[in-house]
Amino acid sequence: MACTDCPRACTARGPRSYCGLDRPGRVYWQGVTLLEEHELAPTYEVWLTGCSLRCRFCTVPAAIESPRDAPWHAPDDVLDRALAADTPPFRSLALVGGDPTVSRPWVDAFLPRARARLPGIDLVLNTNMYLSGPQAAADARAFDWIVGDLHFWTADCARRLAGASDYPDVARAAAEAVADAGGRLILRLLLLPGHAACCGRPAIAWAAELARRSEGRVLVHVMAHYAPAGRAQGHPELGRMLDADERALVALLPDDVPRPRSTPLADRPARPATARDPAAPLRFHADGSVLLPFVTGDLLPLAVELDPTLAPRLAYLDPD
């Protein structure tokens, strides 16, 4: 039976499908992270393996390229861990990937259990937006927030760097479907080196218009923190940091466009002294750079040492 979870439309799910996922619900990592948008953070994140894209700059390539290596967990097992007494407090729970849309049967089983067991906690779908318009609209109604990426603007860039020439059209249509369905969307635009003219500028202009007509439900987050990760290291296009002109594209988002990072610090839940963080990997690159895929409470001081602009986030660590 053909799989309909993503536009790849593989003839069957399993090791021979594009995502390579044999059993939806394999969890690569789960725990509370602090560096998501302020509207969401602190966020309990459940990282599921498998993805519908092959982005060369992916920060968790092992979860994409070897999706069957991670253990499977029943939805209630994940929720048991989230509700454990030593789990740091969180205000939202996000399904992340890979891309959680390729674990659709598991996601459909997880949602009602999470609603029942986590009253008052926002549920978030963090996705690459490579999904059909009708499915995006359904997700907008099922989740409190959609956090969606728009990595590329042109078919050629998407084909060369993610293996999906139809991705830009599909992702834009999905974002519009979320907005039309009345969903709350944080649209992330990750600026890529060498892609200012072909992707960055037109994506920012388009996203601004989508946000303006969505009555505050669509927030645009232009992200200038790109660093080469995974297969991007040594890549002729992606193997460098953004230059000053590329970082300056952030200023192209007009002031009247809604954007995240606006929640007051007082709204963040305090972190008790008894909170415990799961182990999180550190990746050291040959050029001396350090990649922290998951920034937990115990890693936040290290992150601030590496990037002092993160210092205000230390409010998350206040015990009272």
Protein backbone atom coordinates (compact mmCIF):
# COMPACT_ATOMS: atom_id res chain seq x y z
CA MET A 1 0.00 0.00 0.00
CA ALA A 2 1.43 3.37 -1.02
CA CYS A 3 2.51 5.74 1.71
CA THR A 4 0.84 9.17 1.65
CA ASP A 5 2.67 10.81 4.54
CA CYS A 6 4.78 13.05 2.28
CA PRO A 7 4.89 14.07 -1.40
CA ARG A 8 7.41 11.31 -2.18
CA ALA A 9 4.46 8.86 -2.43
CA CYS A 10 6.63 5.78 -1.92
CA THR A 11 5.01 2.50 -2.90
CA ALA A 12 5.34 1.26 0.69
CA ARG A 13 6.69 2.33 4.06
CA GLY A 14 9.88 0.75 5.34
CA PRO A 15 13.62 0.45 4.72
CA ARG A 16 13.20 0.84 0.95
CA SER A 17 11.12 4.01 1.19
CA TYR A 18 12.74 7.43 0.88
CA CYS A 19 12.64 8.13 4.62
CA GLY A 20 13.82 4.59 5.40
CA LEU A 21 11.61 4.46 8.48
CA ASP A 22 10.33 0.98 9.25
CA ARG A 23 8.31 1.87 12.33
CA PRO A 24 6.93 5.35 13.02
CA GLY A 25 7.75 6.53 16.52
CA ARG A 26 11.49 5.93 16.76
CA VAL A 27 12.77 8.62 19.12
CA TYR A 28 16.26 10.02 18.61
CA TRP A 29 16.23 12.33 21.67
CA GLN A 30 13.74 13.86 24.08
CA GLY A 31 14.05 16.53 26.72
CA VAL A 32 13.60 20.22 27.53
CA THR A 33 15.40 22.73 25.32
CA LEU A 34 15.69 26.46 25.88
CA LEU A 35 16.59 28.18 22.63
CA GLU A 36 13.34 27.94 20.71
CA GLU A 37 11.23 31.03 20.15
CA HIS A 38 10.04 32.72 23.33
CA GLU A 39 6.43 31.97 22.49
CA LEU A 40 7.28 28.28 22.92
CA ALA A 41 10.24 27.95 25.26
CA PRO A 42 11.09 26.14 27.41
CA THR A 43 10.00 23.34 25.10
CA TYR A 44 9.85 19.61 25.70
CA GLU A 45 11.07 18.25 22.37
CA VAL A 46 10.57 14.76 20.99
CA TRP A 47 12.98 14.18 18.12
CA LEU A 48 11.70 11.48 15.76
CA THR A 49 13.89 9.84 13.15
CA GLY A 50 13.21 9.81 9.41
CA CYS A 51 12.77 12.70 7.01
CA SER A 52 11.33 13.51 3.60
CA LEU A 53 14.31 15.70 2.64
CA ARG A 54 18.08 15.31 2.52
CA CYS A 55 19.27 18.82 3.39
CA ARG A 56 23.04 18.98 3.20
CA PHE A 57 23.18 21.24 6.25
CA CYS A 58 21.09 18.97 8.53
CA THR A 59 22.33 19.12 12.13
CA VAL A 60 21.21 15.57 12.99
CA PRO A 61 22.28 13.51 9.95
CA ALA A 62 22.39 10.24 11.92
CA ALA A 63 18.66 10.50 12.61
CA ILE A 64 18.03 10.96 8.90
CA GLU A 65 20.45 8.53 7.35
CA SER A 66 20.04 5.71 9.92
CA PRO A 67 16.46 6.13 11.14
CA ARG A 68 16.12 2.53 12.34
CA ASP A 69 18.97 2.86 14.83
CA ALA A 70 16.85 4.78 17.36
CA PRO A 71 14.54 2.93 19.75
CA TRP A 72 10.78 2.89 19.31
CA HIS A 73 8.66 4.35 22.11
CA ALA A 74 4.92 4.14 22.63
CA PRO A 75 3.22 7.55 22.96
CA ASP A 76 2.54 7.01 26.66
CA ASP A 77 6.16 6.08 27.27
CA VAL A 78 7.23 9.46 25.86
CA LEU A 79 4.63 11.25 27.97
CA ASP A 80 5.67 9.34 31.10
CA ARG A 81 9.19 10.72 30.69
CA ALA A 82 7.90 14.24 30.02
CA LEU A 83 5.83 14.08 33.21
CA ALA A 84 8.61 12.65 35.39
CA ALA A 85 9.23 14.52 38.63
CA ASP A 86 12.77 15.57 37.64
CA THR A 87 11.87 16.90 34.17
CA PRO A 88 12.51 20.66 33.98
CA PRO A 89 9.31 22.72 33.56
CA PHE A 90 8.13 23.45 30.03
CA ARG A 91 5.37 25.46 28.40
CA SER A 92 5.06 23.56 25.13
CA LEU A 93 5.74 20.11 23.72
CA ALA A 94 7.10 19.87 20.18
CA LEU A 95 7.42 16.95 17.80
CA VAL A 96 10.63 17.47 15.85
CA GLY A 97 12.73 15.46 13.41
CA GLY A 98 13.96 14.56 10.97
CA ASP A 99 10.45 15.41 10.14
CA PRO A 100 7.61 14.10 12.30
CA THR A 101 5.24 14.02 9.34
CA VAL A 102 6.86 10.77 8.13
CA SER A 103 5.78 9.24 11.46
CA ARG A 104 2.17 10.19 10.82
CA PRO A 105 0.48 7.07 12.31
CA TRP A 106 2.43 7.53 15.54
CA VAL A 107 1.71 11.27 15.61
CA ASP A 108 -2.01 10.61 15.19
CA ALA A 109 -1.93 8.24 18.17
CA PHE A 110 0.22 10.60 20.25
CA LEU A 111 -1.90 13.75 19.93
CA PRO A 112 -5.01 12.69 21.89
CA ARG A 113 -2.86 11.15 24.62
CA ALA A 114 -0.84 14.36 24.91
CA ARG A 115 -4.01 16.47 25.05
CA ALA A 116 -5.38 14.31 27.85
CA ARG A 117 -2.21 14.15 29.92
CA LEU A 118 -0.76 17.65 29.36
CA PRO A 119 -3.63 20.09 29.86
CA GLY A 120 -2.56 23.69 29.34
CA ILE A 121 0.59 22.74 27.40
CA ASP A 122 0.78 23.92 23.79
CA LEU A 123 1.41 21.13 21.28
CA VAL A 124 3.76 22.02 18.43
CA LEU A 125 4.53 20.41 15.08
CA ASN A 126 8.03 21.34 13.92
CA THR A 127 8.17 20.50 10.21
CA ASN A 128 10.03 21.19 6.98
CA MET A 129 6.61 21.98 5.43
CA TYR A 130 7.05 19.34 2.74
CA LEU A 131 3.44 18.20 3.05
CA SER A 132 0.20 18.64 1.15
CA GLY A 133 -2.06 21.63 1.63
CA PRO A 134 -4.95 19.58 3.05
CA GLN A 135 -2.64 17.83 5.51
CA ALA A 136 -1.09 21.16 6.54
CA ALA A 137 -4.56 22.57 7.19
CA ALA A 138 -5.47 19.51 9.27
CA ASP A 139 -2.27 19.90 11.29
CA ALA A 140 -3.06 23.57 11.85
CA ARG A 141 -6.32 22.53 13.49
CA ALA A 142 -4.79 19.67 15.48
CA PHE A 143 -1.76 21.51 16.92
CA ASP A 144 -1.54 24.79 18.82
CA TRP A 145 1.47 25.89 16.78
CA ILE A 146 3.12 24.90 13.52
CA VAL A 147 6.82 25.72 13.35
CA GLY A 148 7.59 25.48 9.65
CA ASP A 149 10.71 25.90 7.57
CA LEU A 150 11.08 27.47 4.17
CA HIS A 151 14.66 26.54 3.34
CA PHE A 152 14.74 27.31 -0.38
CA TRP A 153 12.94 29.56 -2.84
CA THR A 154 13.98 28.06 -6.18
CA ALA A 155 13.46 24.56 -7.51
CA ASP A 156 17.11 24.31 -8.53
CA CYS A 157 18.41 25.11 -5.05
CA ALA A 158 16.00 22.65 -3.46
CA ARG A 159 16.94 19.92 -5.93
CA ARG A 160 20.69 20.33 -5.47
CA LEU A 161 20.74 20.82 -1.70
CA ALA A 162 17.78 18.79 -0.46
CA GLY A 163 16.82 16.40 -3.27
CA ALA A 164 13.33 17.82 -3.88
CA SER A 165 12.80 20.24 -6.75
CA ASP A 166 9.12 20.62 -5.89
CA TYR A 167 9.85 21.57 -2.29
CA PRO A 168 9.51 25.39 -2.63
CA ASP A 169 6.07 25.20 -4.25
CA VAL A 170 4.87 22.52 -1.82
CA ALA A 171 6.18 24.33 1.27
CA ARG A 172 4.72 27.69 0.27
CA ALA A 173 1.33 26.10 -0.40
CA ALA A 174 1.49 24.33 2.97
CA ALA A 175 2.27 27.57 4.78
CA GLU A 176 -0.65 29.29 3.06
CA ALA A 177 -2.90 26.37 3.99
CA VAL A 178 -1.93 26.69 7.66
CA ALA A 179 -2.70 30.40 7.57
CA ASP A 180 -6.00 29.93 5.73
CA ALA A 181 -7.05 27.28 8.27
CA GLY A 182 -6.56 29.77 11.10
CA GLY A 183 -3.50 28.07 12.53
CA ARG A 184 -0.67 29.77 14.39
CA LEU A 185 2.54 29.49 12.39
CA ILE A 186 6.13 30.44 13.14
CA LEU A 187 7.69 30.51 9.68
CA ARG A 188 11.45 30.04 9.88
CA LEU A 189 13.61 31.33 7.06
CA LEU A 190 17.16 30.02 7.52
CA LEU A 191 19.56 32.22 5.58
CA LEU A 192 22.09 30.13 3.67
CA PRO A 193 25.54 31.22 2.45
CA GLY A 194 25.52 32.14 -1.22
CA HIS A 195 21.73 32.14 -1.42
CA ALA A 196 20.85 35.74 -0.61
CA ALA A 197 19.56 36.68 -4.07
CA CYS A 198 18.02 33.38 -5.15
CA CYS A 199 16.38 32.37 -1.85
CA GLY A 200 16.80 34.81 1.02
CA ARG A 201 15.42 38.03 -0.42
CA PRO A 202 12.37 36.60 -2.23
CA ALA A 203 11.48 34.35 0.72
CA ILE A 204 11.52 37.28 3.14
CA ALA A 205 9.33 39.39 0.84
CA TRP A 206 6.81 36.56 0.36
CA ALA A 207 6.72 35.65 4.05
CA ALA A 208 6.11 39.28 4.99
CA GLU A 209 3.01 39.41 2.81
CA LEU A 210 1.72 36.11 4.18
CA ALA A 211 2.15 37.39 7.73
CA ARG A 212 0.47 40.72 7.02
CA ARG A 213 -2.71 39.10 5.78
CA SER A 214 -2.87 36.56 8.59
CA GLU A 215 -3.95 38.92 11.39
CA GLY A 216 -1.02 38.16 13.67
CA ARG A 217 -1.27 34.37 13.47
CA VAL A 218 1.83 34.02 11.28
CA LEU A 219 5.15 35.08 12.80
CA VAL A 220 8.22 35.34 10.57
CA HIS A 221 11.60 34.35 12.01
CA VAL A 222 14.53 35.23 9.76
CA MET A 223 17.44 33.17 11.10
CA ALA A 224 21.02 34.32 10.59
CA HIS A 225 22.79 31.80 12.82
CA TYR A 226 23.68 29.28 10.08
CA ALA A 227 26.79 27.19 10.70
CA PRO A 228 28.07 24.34 8.50
CA ALA A 229 26.91 21.03 9.92
CA GLY A 230 26.74 17.44 8.76
CA ARG A 231 27.44 17.11 5.06
CA ALA A 232 27.72 20.90 4.69
CA GLN A 233 31.27 20.86 6.03
CA GLY A 234 33.61 21.32 3.11
CA HIS A 235 30.72 21.89 0.69
CA PRO A 236 31.57 24.54 -1.96
CA GLU A 237 28.41 26.54 -1.23
CA LEU A 238 27.42 25.67 2.31
CA GLY A 239 30.77 25.06 3.95
CA ARG A 240 31.18 28.56 5.43
CA MET A 241 29.49 30.93 7.85
CA LEU A 242 27.30 33.76 6.61
CA ASP A 243 29.15 36.94 5.70
CA ALA A 244 28.12 40.38 6.98
CA ASP A 245 25.97 41.19 3.95
CA GLU A 246 24.10 37.89 4.27
CA ARG A 247 23.47 38.39 7.97
CA ALA A 248 22.17 41.87 7.21
CA LEU A 249 19.25 40.36 5.29
CA VAL A 250 17.47 40.07 8.64
CA ALA A 251 16.83 43.82 8.40
CA LEU A 252 14.80 43.32 5.21
CA LEU A 253 11.84 42.07 7.24
CA PRO A 254 9.66 45.18 7.60
CA ASP A 255 8.95 46.46 11.09
CA ASP A 256 5.20 45.95 10.71
CA VAL A 257 5.57 42.19 10.16
CA PRO A 258 4.84 40.05 13.25
CA ARG A 259 7.84 38.11 14.47
CA PRO A 260 8.60 35.85 17.44
CA ARG A 261 10.81 36.46 20.47
CA SER A 262 8.35 38.79 22.15
CA THR A 263 7.24 36.89 25.24
CA PRO A 264 8.20 38.65 28.53
CA LEU A 265 10.74 36.88 30.70
CA ALA A 266 8.25 36.79 33.59
CA ASP A 267 6.10 34.33 31.68
CA ARG A 268 8.79 31.65 31.66
CA PRO A 269 8.43 28.82 34.17
CA ALA A 270 11.13 28.78 36.83
CA ARG A 271 13.66 25.97 36.78
CA PRO A 272 13.81 24.12 40.13
CA ALA A 273 17.10 22.92 41.57
CA THR A 274 15.91 19.30 41.29
CA ALA A 275 15.54 19.49 37.49
CA ARG A 276 17.66 17.03 35.51
CA ASP A 277 18.56 17.24 31.84
CA PRO A 278 19.09 14.26 29.55
CA ALA A 279 22.48 13.84 27.93
CA ALA A 280 22.89 16.00 24.84
CA PRO A 281 25.64 15.61 22.23
CA LEU A 282 28.39 18.13 21.50
CA ARG A 283 30.02 18.09 18.09
CA PHE A 284 33.48 19.56 17.62
CA HIS A 285 34.53 20.43 14.10
CA ALA A 286 38.02 20.61 12.65
CA ASP A 287 37.77 24.40 12.30
CA GLY A 288 37.26 24.76 16.06
CA SER A 289 33.52 25.37 15.92
CA VAL A 290 31.16 23.59 18.32
CA LEU A 291 27.65 22.44 17.42
CA LEU A 292 25.03 22.01 20.14
CA PRO A 293 21.96 20.41 18.52
CA PHE A 294 20.01 20.49 21.79
CA VAL A 295 20.60 23.35 24.24
CA THR A 296 19.45 22.08 27.63
CA GLY A 297 19.68 23.91 30.93
CA ASP A 298 23.07 22.50 31.82
CA LEU A 299 24.45 23.38 28.38
CA LEU A 300 23.16 26.95 28.36
CA PRO A 301 26.15 28.42 30.26
CA LEU A 302 28.47 26.77 27.73
CA ALA A 303 26.38 28.16 24.88
CA VAL A 304 26.69 31.65 26.39
CA GLU A 305 30.47 31.24 26.60
CA LEU A 306 30.49 30.43 22.90
CA ASP A 307 27.98 33.16 21.99
CA PRO A 308 27.60 35.96 24.60
CA THR A 309 24.49 37.29 22.82
CA LEU A 310 22.63 34.37 24.41
CA ALA A 311 23.24 35.72 27.93
CA PRO A 312 19.62 36.89 28.48
CA ARG A 313 18.50 33.26 28.21
CA LEU A 314 20.17 32.58 31.58
CA ALA A 315 16.88 33.74 33.07
CA TYR A 316 15.74 30.18 32.38
CA LEU A 317 18.14 28.98 35.06
CA ASP A 318 16.89 31.23 37.87
CA PRO A 319 15.73 28.95 40.72
CA ASP A 320 13.10 31.39 42.06
